[in-house]
Structure formats: C-alpha cells, structure tokens
C-alpha cells in the first residue's frame, strides 16, 4: 500500500509542477490579453519560479540513466565469489545478478536496468569482513531481488534525480520542497520494510551470528577505510607511486591497535547512530535486535578473510578504483618520499589553529594552552550541534593529539634528529639516532587529555631533542 502511495506521490509531484506552471502561465496570458502587462508579468514570474524547476529537472532526469561503475568481477576469473553468489541467490529464491562489480566505498547495493541485474560490492567490505560476514551482506542484497525491490529502480532513479534537482532550485515558496519531503517520508517507511525483509534473508542464508556481526562491523570498517585513505593512501598520491593498496588495508586492519579500535567502535557507532523518520534504513541497533528474534539454522561462520574470494583482482584494479597512479613501490619506500611533507602539512594545520585561536602557533604556545585547559580553543566550535559535550571533547582530543604528534615529528625530522618509519597503528614511528622508537601520538596524548600531564610530557619532549619548550 505504501509503495503504491509513494508512486502516486511521485506522479503527483510532477502533476503539481505542471499544474502550477500551466495554470499560472494561462493566467499570465489572460492578463496580457486584457492589457494588464504588469499583472501578466508577475504571473509569468510565478509560473517560472514554481513550476520551472520541476519541469526542467524532469527533462534532465528523463535522459539520466544509472551506469555500472567499478571493476567487473567476471565468473571465469572469480569463480569462488560467484559460487557463493549463486548459492545465496538460490536460498533467496531469485536469480543471480548478471554483473558483479567491485567499487570504492564500504557499501553494497543492487539495481536493475532493462532486465539486467547489477550487484556492486565495496572493496573495503571485501578486505575487512570475513567470508561468513560477506555472505550475509551478499544475501541481504540478493534479498532485495527476491523481494522485488529493484523492479522499479530505473523509474525511481530518474524520479529521485528530478526531485533532487527540483528541490535544489525551488527557493521561492518551498512548495515543491514540502511535497518532496512528504514523499521522502512515505518512501523511507517502505524502504525500511524492504531492509527488514532483506535482513531476514541474510539470517536465513548466512546465519544469525554472521548477519549480526556483519551489520555491526560495516560502520567501523567504513571509518577505518576513510582513515586509511586520508592517512596512508594520501602518501601514495603525494609520492606519485602505487603501493599494494589492498594488502595495505589488510595490514591496517590487522594491527592490534586497529583491531581494538574497531571492536570498540562497533558498539559506539551502533549506540550513537541518529534516527529520523526520513531514514531509508532502520538503525543498526534495531536491526541487530530484530535479528535476535529470528529463527536461524545452525550455520557455521566461515572465518576466512573475505578477500580470499577475490584472488583474481589485480593491483592495477585497486589503483584505478582509488585513482592512484605511478610506478610500483612498497609502503616502506613511500615514507621518505612523502612522509616529511605529510607531517609538515599537519604541523602547519596546528600552527594555523594556534594563530586563529590566538593561543600562539609554536609548540611551546600549544603546550601552554593545554596546561591552561584551553584544548577546545584550538579546535573551535563543532559544526554538528547535535554532539554532546563529551563527544566534542573526544573529537578535540583525537584531532589535537594527531596534529601535535605530527608537529613534534616535523621538528625532529627537519632538524635531522629522527627519521620516519611506517606504523600501521598510528601512521609514523620516529626512529632516533640511538635506534630508539618513539610513537609521537602516544607521547603527546597524555598532555592533550589531561592538563596536569603537560609538564611531564614537556620534559619527555625535551629529552628526545624537541627545542623551544
């Protein structure tokens, strides 16, 4: 019923736009014919302002077509993956997709165009989930096929584009925006039912434990992927070299510190996930709780890494996905090429924050500000007003710790008192002339978190050769 209502509202949106434009244009023509030029001009302006955006957006959306992206995973080169896909499609009571693609982003999705079924699978999920968890993700997406959720994908794709374009241009009375929000409310409710159905398929196909673990892990893997791109892949881009990207992410995920962080994030992200009536997916915590009530067969979880299903993916494919180019290089070779520039950039960001906040731009100034309890002066007000005071402080601690650690590294490297080495648990290790390893983040973190620790941290920094403190 809600699906039909959503389709009716989609049609009604464009009927409203045509009616507004046509009706107001007719009134404008009538006013012109009776000699009321000013009144006709005003009616014409209203017609363009209210109906024009939707009409123009509709024309553009008619010619818009979803196109497959990413790296194609053919049956003959990835037989293990396709074996699981075919098996799960049978369990879901549907036919398998015709085209499976590896894409960037910690997500998976399915869609159809002219009867051709596409499945897009995010590289971070393949690298970060076990085979059992990946089976749950695949079963969930195939459940959308089995539930008939993708049959109208082409039409709804164009309709959503038209809505977005219309609303972005509707800046006069907001009438079209209000209608679009009402449609989003109805469509989101229907979409949430689709997700619950697909979750039931995932539990039936992959087992309850794997399905719950996959749901809880996707968010942290997405966070890890974003940090990996920012902190590590950026080194490759700066150096103009191509390291083994998939292997690098596996090294990142397997570091003991990252393992601990991801486990902690599972419960944190699930608990703090915001909710809205416009959300197309129920909150993760609600989905996990609902899965606990479902009947599940005793399916053993395949703990093998998910990437073992993609042995045919070449290094060139991953580099194309991430837009990384240049001669091959190891991760260790990247550090002397772009590491100093990386820490210098972060150090300059801290100096800029010190200047803007007027606490001072030197390391001594920043430490003095921390000793006075002025951590939040360095980071300023958060953009997200919904964050709690504790969340704001934690974000500030993480940010300043990273920037301050890089500022320390920058000074020592520039003065030839240390060299940088790769560290999958925190970007860089500082290797001192006597061979000692210093982890900058761990060194400065106590001072950032606790003002009383600043004097002791200052002494430690002086001991390894940091000047001007």
Protein backbone atom coordinates (compact mmCIF):
# COMPACT_ATOMS: atom_id res chain seq x y z
CA UNK A 1 0.00 0.00 0.00
CA UNK A 2 2.79 2.42 0.93
CA UNK A 3 4.71 1.53 -2.24
CA UNK A 4 1.68 2.43 -4.33
CA UNK A 5 1.21 5.63 -2.32
CA UNK A 6 4.86 6.57 -2.91
CA UNK A 7 4.46 6.08 -6.66
CA UNK A 8 1.28 8.14 -6.64
CA UNK A 9 3.09 10.89 -4.76
CA UNK A 10 5.93 10.81 -7.26
CA UNK A 11 3.46 11.26 -10.09
CA UNK A 12 1.64 13.90 -8.08
CA UNK A 13 4.83 15.88 -7.65
CA UNK A 14 5.19 16.38 -11.37
CA UNK A 15 1.44 16.87 -11.89
CA UNK A 16 1.65 19.64 -9.29
CA UNK A 17 4.58 21.23 -11.09
CA UNK A 18 2.83 21.11 -14.47
CA UNK A 19 -0.41 22.39 -12.97
CA UNK A 20 1.36 25.28 -11.28
CA UNK A 21 3.33 26.23 -14.36
CA UNK A 22 0.44 25.72 -16.76
CA UNK A 23 -2.18 27.41 -14.60
CA UNK A 24 -0.08 30.44 -13.80
CA UNK A 25 1.04 30.73 -17.43
CA UNK A 26 -2.61 30.66 -18.55
CA UNK A 27 -3.44 33.41 -16.06
CA UNK A 28 -0.44 35.41 -17.29
CA UNK A 29 -1.61 35.11 -20.91
CA UNK A 30 -5.11 36.17 -19.91
CA UNK A 31 -3.76 39.21 -18.05
CA UNK A 32 -1.71 40.15 -21.10
CA UNK A 33 -4.77 39.85 -23.39
CA UNK A 34 -6.78 42.27 -21.27
CA UNK A 35 -3.96 44.77 -21.27
CA UNK A 36 -2.65 44.16 -17.73
CA UNK A 37 1.02 43.87 -18.66
CA UNK A 38 2.32 44.24 -15.09
CA UNK A 39 -0.08 41.61 -13.72
CA UNK A 40 0.76 39.24 -16.57
CA UNK A 41 4.49 39.70 -15.98
CA UNK A 42 4.10 38.88 -12.29
CA UNK A 43 2.08 35.74 -13.09
CA UNK A 44 4.74 34.68 -15.58
CA UNK A 45 7.46 35.13 -12.95
CA UNK A 46 5.49 32.95 -10.52
CA UNK A 47 4.97 30.30 -13.20
CA UNK A 48 8.71 30.10 -13.84
CA UNK A 49 9.60 30.21 -10.13
CA UNK A 50 7.17 27.49 -9.01
CA UNK A 51 6.84 25.14 -11.95
CA UNK A 52 10.01 25.80 -13.89
CA UNK A 53 12.46 23.92 -11.62
CA UNK A 54 10.43 20.71 -11.65
CA UNK A 55 9.80 20.85 -15.40
CA UNK A 56 13.47 21.45 -16.17
CA UNK A 57 14.53 18.74 -13.72
CA UNK A 58 12.10 16.28 -15.30
CA UNK A 59 13.58 16.87 -18.75
CA UNK A 60 17.09 16.29 -17.40
CA UNK A 61 16.04 13.21 -15.44
CA UNK A 62 14.44 11.59 -18.49
CA UNK A 63 17.86 11.29 -20.09
CA UNK A 64 19.63 10.21 -16.87
CA UNK A 65 20.50 6.52 -16.66
CA UNK A 66 22.34 4.61 -13.96
CA UNK A 67 25.57 3.20 -15.28
CA UNK A 68 27.67 0.38 -13.79
CA UNK A 69 30.93 1.56 -12.29
CA UNK A 70 33.99 -0.02 -10.74
CA UNK A 71 35.90 -3.14 -11.67
CA UNK A 72 33.94 -6.07 -13.22
CA UNK A 73 34.29 -9.38 -11.39
CA UNK A 74 33.79 -11.94 -14.15
CA UNK A 75 32.73 -15.51 -13.44
CA UNK A 76 35.77 -17.09 -15.06
CA UNK A 77 38.28 -15.02 -13.06
CA UNK A 78 36.44 -15.07 -9.69
CA UNK A 79 34.75 -18.49 -9.50
CA UNK A 80 34.79 -18.65 -5.67
CA UNK A 81 32.86 -15.40 -5.34
CA UNK A 82 30.31 -16.42 -7.98
CA UNK A 83 29.83 -19.81 -6.35
CA UNK A 84 28.69 -18.05 -3.16
CA UNK A 85 26.56 -15.58 -5.12
CA UNK A 86 24.76 -18.38 -6.98
CA UNK A 87 24.22 -20.38 -3.80
CA UNK A 88 22.84 -17.38 -1.90
CA UNK A 89 20.59 -16.39 -4.79
CA UNK A 90 19.05 -19.86 -4.67
CA UNK A 91 18.42 -19.52 -0.93
CA UNK A 92 16.87 -16.08 -1.52
CA UNK A 93 14.58 -17.59 -4.17
CA UNK A 94 15.79 -15.39 -7.00
CA UNK A 95 18.17 -15.48 -9.93
CA UNK A 96 21.73 -14.29 -9.53
CA UNK A 97 22.89 -10.89 -10.79
CA UNK A 98 24.23 -10.68 -14.31
CA UNK A 99 27.08 -8.33 -13.45
CA UNK A 100 29.07 -8.04 -10.20
CA UNK A 101 31.32 -5.03 -9.71
CA UNK A 102 34.00 -4.10 -7.19
CA UNK A 103 33.59 -0.44 -6.20
CA UNK A 104 35.10 2.05 -3.78
CA UNK A 105 33.25 2.67 -0.51
CA UNK A 106 32.17 0.49 2.42
CA UNK A 107 28.80 -0.43 0.95
CA UNK A 108 26.98 -2.92 -1.25
CA UNK A 109 23.97 -2.36 -3.49
CA UNK A 110 21.85 -3.93 -6.21
CA UNK A 111 19.88 -2.42 -9.07
CA UNK A 112 18.34 -3.34 -12.39
CA UNK A 113 18.22 -1.76 -15.82
CA UNK A 114 16.26 -3.26 -18.70
CA UNK A 115 16.21 -6.65 -17.01
CA UNK A 116 19.97 -6.72 -16.37
CA UNK A 117 20.82 -7.15 -12.71
CA UNK A 118 23.85 -5.43 -11.19
CA UNK A 119 25.49 -6.01 -7.82
CA UNK A 120 28.12 -3.56 -6.57
CA UNK A 121 30.39 -4.69 -3.74
CA UNK A 122 32.63 -2.27 -1.86
CA UNK A 123 36.35 -3.02 -1.75
CA UNK A 124 36.57 -2.15 2.00
CA UNK A 125 33.94 -4.80 2.80
CA UNK A 126 35.82 -7.46 0.86
CA UNK A 127 39.04 -6.54 2.66
CA UNK A 128 37.52 -6.01 6.10
CA UNK A 129 34.90 -8.75 6.55
CA UNK A 130 35.18 -12.50 6.90
CA UNK A 131 33.73 -14.77 4.23
CA UNK A 132 30.80 -15.54 6.54
CA UNK A 133 30.08 -11.86 7.12
CA UNK A 134 30.45 -11.14 3.42
CA UNK A 135 27.95 -13.89 2.67
CA UNK A 136 25.46 -12.11 4.91
CA UNK A 137 25.99 -8.85 3.02
CA UNK A 138 25.52 -10.62 -0.31
CA UNK A 139 22.41 -12.44 0.92
CA UNK A 140 20.91 -9.16 2.12
CA UNK A 141 21.39 -7.54 -1.27
CA UNK A 142 20.06 -10.60 -3.12
CA UNK A 143 17.06 -10.45 -0.80
CA UNK A 144 16.16 -7.15 -2.44
CA UNK A 145 15.97 -9.00 -5.75
CA UNK A 146 13.89 -11.75 -4.19
CA UNK A 147 11.53 -9.21 -2.67
CA UNK A 148 11.05 -7.41 -5.98
CA UNK A 149 12.50 -4.21 -4.50
CA UNK A 150 14.60 -3.37 -7.58
CA UNK A 151 11.97 -3.84 -10.29
CA UNK A 152 11.10 -0.15 -10.38
CA UNK A 153 14.68 1.00 -9.86
CA UNK A 154 15.03 2.67 -13.26
CA UNK A 155 11.89 4.75 -12.83
CA UNK A 156 12.58 5.67 -9.22
CA UNK A 157 16.19 6.53 -10.10
CA UNK A 158 15.02 9.15 -12.59
CA UNK A 159 12.27 10.34 -10.27
CA UNK A 160 14.71 10.87 -7.39
CA UNK A 161 17.07 12.81 -9.65
CA UNK A 162 14.18 15.01 -10.73
CA UNK A 163 13.12 15.56 -7.12
CA UNK A 164 16.64 16.49 -6.03
CA UNK A 165 17.12 18.88 -8.93
CA UNK A 166 13.71 20.44 -8.39
CA UNK A 167 14.13 20.95 -4.67
CA UNK A 168 17.62 22.41 -5.11
CA UNK A 169 16.15 25.08 -7.41
CA UNK A 170 12.91 25.69 -5.51
CA UNK A 171 13.95 28.70 -3.45
CA UNK A 172 10.80 30.84 -3.66
CA UNK A 173 7.91 29.36 -1.67
CA UNK A 174 9.23 25.91 -0.82
CA UNK A 175 6.03 24.22 -2.03
CA UNK A 176 7.90 21.65 -4.09
CA UNK A 177 10.34 21.08 -1.23
CA UNK A 178 7.48 20.34 1.14
CA UNK A 179 6.00 17.82 -1.30
CA UNK A 180 9.41 16.18 -1.81
CA UNK A 181 9.87 15.82 1.96
CA UNK A 182 6.42 14.27 2.27
CA UNK A 183 7.32 11.80 -0.48
CA UNK A 184 10.63 11.02 1.29
CA UNK A 185 8.69 10.28 4.48
CA UNK A 186 6.42 7.76 2.75
CA UNK A 187 9.20 6.23 0.65
CA UNK A 188 11.51 5.86 3.67
CA UNK A 189 8.87 3.88 5.55
CA UNK A 190 8.51 1.48 2.62
CA UNK A 191 12.29 1.25 2.26
CA UNK A 192 12.68 0.31 5.93
CA UNK A 193 10.29 -2.61 5.37
CA UNK A 194 12.46 -3.68 2.42
CA UNK A 195 15.54 -3.64 4.64
CA UNK A 196 13.84 -5.78 7.28
CA UNK A 197 12.86 -8.30 4.63
CA UNK A 198 16.42 -8.39 3.26
CA UNK A 199 17.76 -8.86 6.80
CA UNK A 200 15.53 -11.91 7.21
CA UNK A 201 17.02 -13.34 4.03
CA UNK A 202 20.54 -12.64 5.35
CA UNK A 203 19.82 -14.51 8.58
CA UNK A 204 18.28 -17.46 6.72
CA UNK A 205 21.16 -17.67 4.25
CA UNK A 206 24.23 -16.85 6.33
CA UNK A 207 23.10 -17.45 9.89
CA UNK A 208 22.15 -15.04 12.67
CA UNK A 209 25.63 -14.64 14.13
CA UNK A 210 27.24 -13.75 10.79
CA UNK A 211 24.40 -11.36 9.92
CA UNK A 212 24.63 -9.53 13.24
CA UNK A 213 28.41 -9.34 13.12
CA UNK A 214 28.35 -8.01 9.56
CA UNK A 215 25.88 -5.25 10.46
CA UNK A 216 27.93 -4.15 13.45
CA UNK A 217 31.22 -4.28 11.57
CA UNK A 218 30.29 -2.39 8.38
CA UNK A 219 30.28 1.02 10.10
CA UNK A 220 33.71 0.61 11.75
CA UNK A 221 35.18 -0.76 8.52
CA UNK A 222 33.88 2.34 6.76
CA UNK A 223 35.55 4.56 9.37
CA UNK A 224 38.77 2.59 9.02
CA UNK A 225 38.66 2.90 5.23
CA UNK A 226 38.23 6.68 5.44
CA UNK A 227 41.22 6.94 7.79
CA UNK A 228 43.26 4.62 5.58
CA UNK A 229 42.60 6.81 2.55
CA UNK A 230 43.41 10.01 4.43
CA UNK A 231 46.48 8.85 6.31
CA UNK A 232 48.06 6.22 4.08
CA UNK A 233 46.76 6.31 0.50
CA UNK A 234 47.45 10.04 0.53
CA UNK A 235 51.15 9.17 0.89
CA UNK A 236 50.97 7.29 -2.40
CA UNK A 237 49.19 10.17 -4.12
CA UNK A 238 51.76 12.69 -2.85
CA UNK A 239 54.68 10.50 -3.91
CA UNK A 240 53.21 9.58 -7.30
CA UNK A 241 53.76 5.88 -6.57
CA UNK A 242 51.49 2.83 -6.45
CA UNK A 243 51.87 0.58 -3.39
CA UNK A 244 49.92 -2.66 -2.84
CA UNK A 245 46.68 -0.96 -1.80
CA UNK A 246 44.55 -3.95 -0.84
CA UNK A 247 47.39 -5.50 1.14
CA UNK A 248 47.95 -2.17 2.86
CA UNK A 249 44.38 -2.04 4.12
CA UNK A 250 44.68 -5.59 5.43
CA UNK A 251 47.85 -4.59 7.31
CA UNK A 252 45.96 -1.61 8.72
CA UNK A 253 43.04 -3.76 9.90
CA UNK A 254 45.26 -6.49 11.36
CA UNK A 255 47.35 -4.18 13.55
CA UNK A 256 46.48 -4.91 17.21
CA UNK A 257 45.60 -1.27 17.89
CA UNK A 258 43.23 -1.15 14.93
CA UNK A 259 41.61 -4.44 15.95
CA UNK A 260 40.90 -2.98 19.38
CA UNK A 261 39.62 0.31 17.94
CA UNK A 262 37.25 -1.42 15.51
CA UNK A 263 35.80 -3.63 18.24
CA UNK A 264 35.19 -0.59 20.41
CA UNK A 265 33.61 1.30 17.51
CA UNK A 266 31.07 -1.45 16.85
CA UNK A 267 29.08 -0.71 19.99
CA UNK A 268 29.79 3.03 19.94
CA UNK A 269 28.56 3.62 16.39
CA UNK A 270 25.52 1.41 16.86
CA UNK A 271 24.54 3.18 20.08
CA UNK A 272 25.11 6.72 18.79
CA UNK A 273 23.54 6.25 15.35
CA UNK A 274 20.94 9.03 14.91
CA UNK A 275 17.43 8.23 13.76
CA UNK A 276 14.93 10.08 11.62
CA UNK A 277 11.56 9.32 10.06
CA UNK A 278 13.26 10.10 6.73
CA UNK A 279 15.86 7.32 7.15
CA UNK A 280 15.65 4.62 4.49
CA UNK A 281 17.27 2.06 6.85
CA UNK A 282 16.30 1.21 10.44
CA UNK A 283 19.10 1.89 12.97
CA UNK A 284 21.73 -0.82 13.17
CA UNK A 285 20.94 -1.48 16.84
CA UNK A 286 17.28 -2.12 15.99
CA UNK A 287 18.19 -4.41 13.10
CA UNK A 288 20.58 -6.42 15.26
CA UNK A 289 17.92 -6.73 17.97
CA UNK A 290 15.33 -7.84 15.42
CA UNK A 291 17.70 -10.49 14.09
CA UNK A 292 18.00 -11.95 17.59
CA UNK A 293 14.29 -12.83 17.43
CA UNK A 294 14.52 -14.61 14.07
CA UNK A 295 14.76 -18.36 13.71
CA UNK A 296 18.16 -19.28 12.37
CA UNK A 297 19.62 -22.53 11.21
CA UNK A 298 22.92 -23.55 12.76
CA UNK A 299 25.12 -22.14 10.01
CA UNK A 300 28.84 -22.23 10.88
CA UNK A 301 30.60 -18.92 10.27
CA UNK A 302 33.31 -19.04 7.65
CA UNK A 303 36.10 -17.09 9.36
CA UNK A 304 38.36 -16.88 6.32
CA UNK A 305 39.15 -13.31 5.20
CA UNK A 306 36.68 -12.09 2.59
CA UNK A 307 39.47 -11.07 0.23
CA UNK A 308 40.29 -14.74 -0.35
CA UNK A 309 37.26 -14.80 -2.69
CA UNK A 310 38.88 -12.18 -4.93
CA UNK A 311 42.23 -13.68 -5.77
CA UNK A 312 41.79 -12.53 -9.37
CA UNK A 313 41.76 -8.80 -8.53
CA UNK A 314 44.95 -7.22 -9.82
CA UNK A 315 46.87 -4.42 -8.16
CA UNK A 316 46.02 -2.24 -11.16
CA UNK A 317 42.30 -2.70 -10.50
CA UNK A 318 42.59 -1.41 -6.93
CA UNK A 319 44.74 1.52 -8.03
CA UNK A 320 42.18 2.51 -10.66
CA UNK A 321 39.38 2.38 -8.12
CA UNK A 322 41.28 4.69 -5.77
CA UNK A 323 42.70 6.90 -8.53
CA UNK A 324 46.29 6.13 -7.56
CA UNK A 325 48.91 6.11 -10.31
CA UNK A 326 52.66 5.94 -10.74
CA UNK A 327 55.45 3.35 -10.61
CA UNK A 328 55.13 0.48 -8.14
CA UNK A 329 56.60 0.98 -4.68
CA UNK A 330 56.45 -0.67 -1.28
CA UNK A 331 54.75 1.12 1.59
CA UNK A 332 58.11 1.46 3.32
CA UNK A 333 59.54 3.21 0.25
CA UNK A 334 56.74 5.79 0.34
CA UNK A 335 57.65 7.12 3.78
CA UNK A 336 60.86 9.01 2.89
CA UNK A 337 59.21 10.23 -0.34
CA UNK A 338 56.11 11.85 1.16
CA UNK A 339 56.20 11.31 4.93
CA UNK A 340 58.03 14.58 5.78
CA UNK A 341 55.58 16.58 3.65
CA UNK A 342 52.66 14.84 5.37
CA UNK A 343 53.78 15.66 8.91
CA UNK A 344 54.68 19.20 7.82
CA UNK A 345 51.17 19.72 6.49
CA UNK A 346 49.63 18.55 9.77
CA UNK A 347 52.08 20.66 11.76
CA UNK A 348 51.08 23.72 9.74
CA UNK A 349 47.42 22.93 10.48
CA UNK A 350 48.22 23.07 14.20
CA UNK A 351 50.11 26.34 13.80
CA UNK A 352 47.15 27.77 11.90
CA UNK A 353 44.77 26.69 14.67
CA UNK A 354 47.05 28.35 17.21
CA UNK A 355 47.08 31.60 15.25
CA UNK A 356 43.31 31.66 14.72
CA UNK A 357 42.56 30.85 18.36
CA UNK A 358 45.21 33.38 19.50
CA UNK A 359 46.87 30.87 21.83
CA UNK A 360 50.06 31.01 19.76
CA UNK A 361 51.49 28.94 16.94
CA UNK A 362 54.63 27.40 18.47
CA UNK A 363 54.81 24.05 20.23
CA UNK A 364 55.51 25.89 23.47
CA UNK A 365 52.39 28.01 22.99
CA UNK A 366 50.20 24.97 22.31
CA UNK A 367 51.51 23.11 25.36
CA UNK A 368 50.92 26.19 27.49
CA UNK A 369 47.33 26.41 26.21
CA UNK A 370 46.76 22.76 27.04
CA UNK A 371 48.20 23.35 30.51
CA UNK A 372 45.64 26.13 30.99
CA UNK A 373 42.84 23.77 29.96
CA UNK A 374 42.23 25.53 26.63
CA UNK A 375 42.00 22.46 24.44
CA UNK A 376 38.68 23.46 22.89
CA UNK A 377 40.05 26.88 21.94
CA UNK A 378 42.33 25.14 19.47
CA UNK A 379 39.52 23.26 17.73
CA UNK A 380 36.74 25.85 17.91
CA UNK A 381 33.02 25.13 17.92
CA UNK A 382 31.84 21.87 16.34
CA UNK A 383 29.89 22.04 13.10
CA UNK A 384 27.47 19.35 14.30
CA UNK A 385 25.34 20.95 17.02
CA UNK A 386 23.85 17.57 17.99
CA UNK A 387 27.12 16.36 19.55
CA UNK A 388 27.26 16.05 23.33
CA UNK A 389 29.96 17.82 25.34
CA UNK A 390 31.74 14.50 25.82
CA UNK A 391 31.70 13.78 22.09
CA UNK A 392 33.01 17.25 21.32
CA UNK A 393 35.86 16.80 23.78
CA UNK A 394 36.78 13.35 22.46
CA UNK A 395 36.87 14.65 18.91
CA UNK A 396 39.07 17.55 20.03
CA UNK A 397 41.42 15.20 21.88
CA UNK A 398 41.80 12.95 18.83
CA UNK A 399 42.39 15.88 16.47
CA UNK A 400 44.88 17.79 18.59
CA UNK A 401 46.75 14.60 19.52
CA UNK A 402 47.30 13.79 15.85
CA UNK A 403 48.30 17.34 14.91
CA UNK A 404 50.59 17.80 17.90
CA UNK A 405 52.25 14.44 17.28
CA UNK A 406 52.93 15.46 13.68
CA UNK A 407 54.27 18.85 14.80
CA UNK A 408 56.76 17.09 17.06
CA UNK A 409 57.73 14.74 14.23
CA UNK A 410 58.10 17.64 11.81
CA UNK A 411 60.53 19.47 14.07
CA UNK A 412 62.70 16.43 14.74
CA UNK A 413 62.79 15.28 11.11
CA UNK A 414 63.56 18.78 9.86
CA UNK A 415 66.43 19.03 12.36
CA UNK A 416 67.74 15.59 11.30
CA UNK A 417 67.23 14.28 14.82
CA UNK A 418 64.90 11.47 13.73
CA UNK A 419 63.66 9.63 10.65
CA UNK A 420 60.16 8.46 9.88
CA UNK A 421 59.15 4.81 9.65
CA UNK A 422 55.78 3.35 8.69
CA UNK A 423 53.40 2.42 11.51
CA UNK A 424 50.07 0.76 10.66
CA UNK A 425 48.87 1.51 14.18
CA UNK A 426 49.41 5.27 14.00
CA UNK A 427 50.94 6.34 10.70
CA UNK A 428 54.58 7.01 11.68
CA UNK A 429 57.23 5.92 14.14
CA UNK A 430 60.11 8.27 14.90
CA UNK A 431 63.47 6.47 14.86
CA UNK A 432 66.04 8.37 16.93
CA UNK A 433 69.82 8.32 16.26
CA UNK A 434 70.35 5.83 19.11
CA UNK A 435 67.86 3.44 17.48
CA UNK A 436 65.05 4.09 19.96
CA UNK A 437 61.49 4.14 18.53
CA UNK A 438 59.18 6.96 19.56
CA UNK A 439 55.44 6.97 18.83
CA UNK A 440 54.52 10.67 18.63
CA UNK A 441 50.79 10.23 19.26
CA UNK A 442 51.38 8.12 22.36
CA UNK A 443 53.97 10.60 23.59
CA UNK A 444 51.77 13.72 23.43
CA UNK A 445 48.37 12.12 24.15
CA UNK A 446 48.59 12.43 27.97
CA UNK A 447 49.15 16.20 27.71
CA UNK A 448 46.17 16.64 25.38
CA UNK A 449 43.82 14.61 27.54
CA UNK A 450 44.94 15.86 30.97
CA UNK A 451 46.32 19.36 31.65
CA UNK A 452 48.19 18.04 34.71
CA UNK A 453 50.32 15.83 32.47
CA UNK A 454 51.70 18.69 30.37
CA UNK A 455 54.86 19.32 32.49
CA UNK A 456 55.88 15.65 32.34
CA UNK A 457 55.25 15.47 28.58
CA UNK A 458 57.25 18.67 28.09
CA UNK A 459 60.22 17.06 29.86
CA UNK A 460 59.95 13.95 27.67
CA UNK A 461 59.84 16.04 24.52
CA UNK A 462 62.94 17.96 25.57
CA UNK A 463 64.71 14.67 26.28
CA UNK A 464 64.34 13.49 22.67
CA UNK A 465 65.55 16.82 21.26
CA UNK A 466 62.45 18.99 20.77
CA UNK A 467 63.55 22.62 21.10
CA UNK A 468 61.82 25.80 22.28
CA UNK A 469 59.71 24.30 25.06
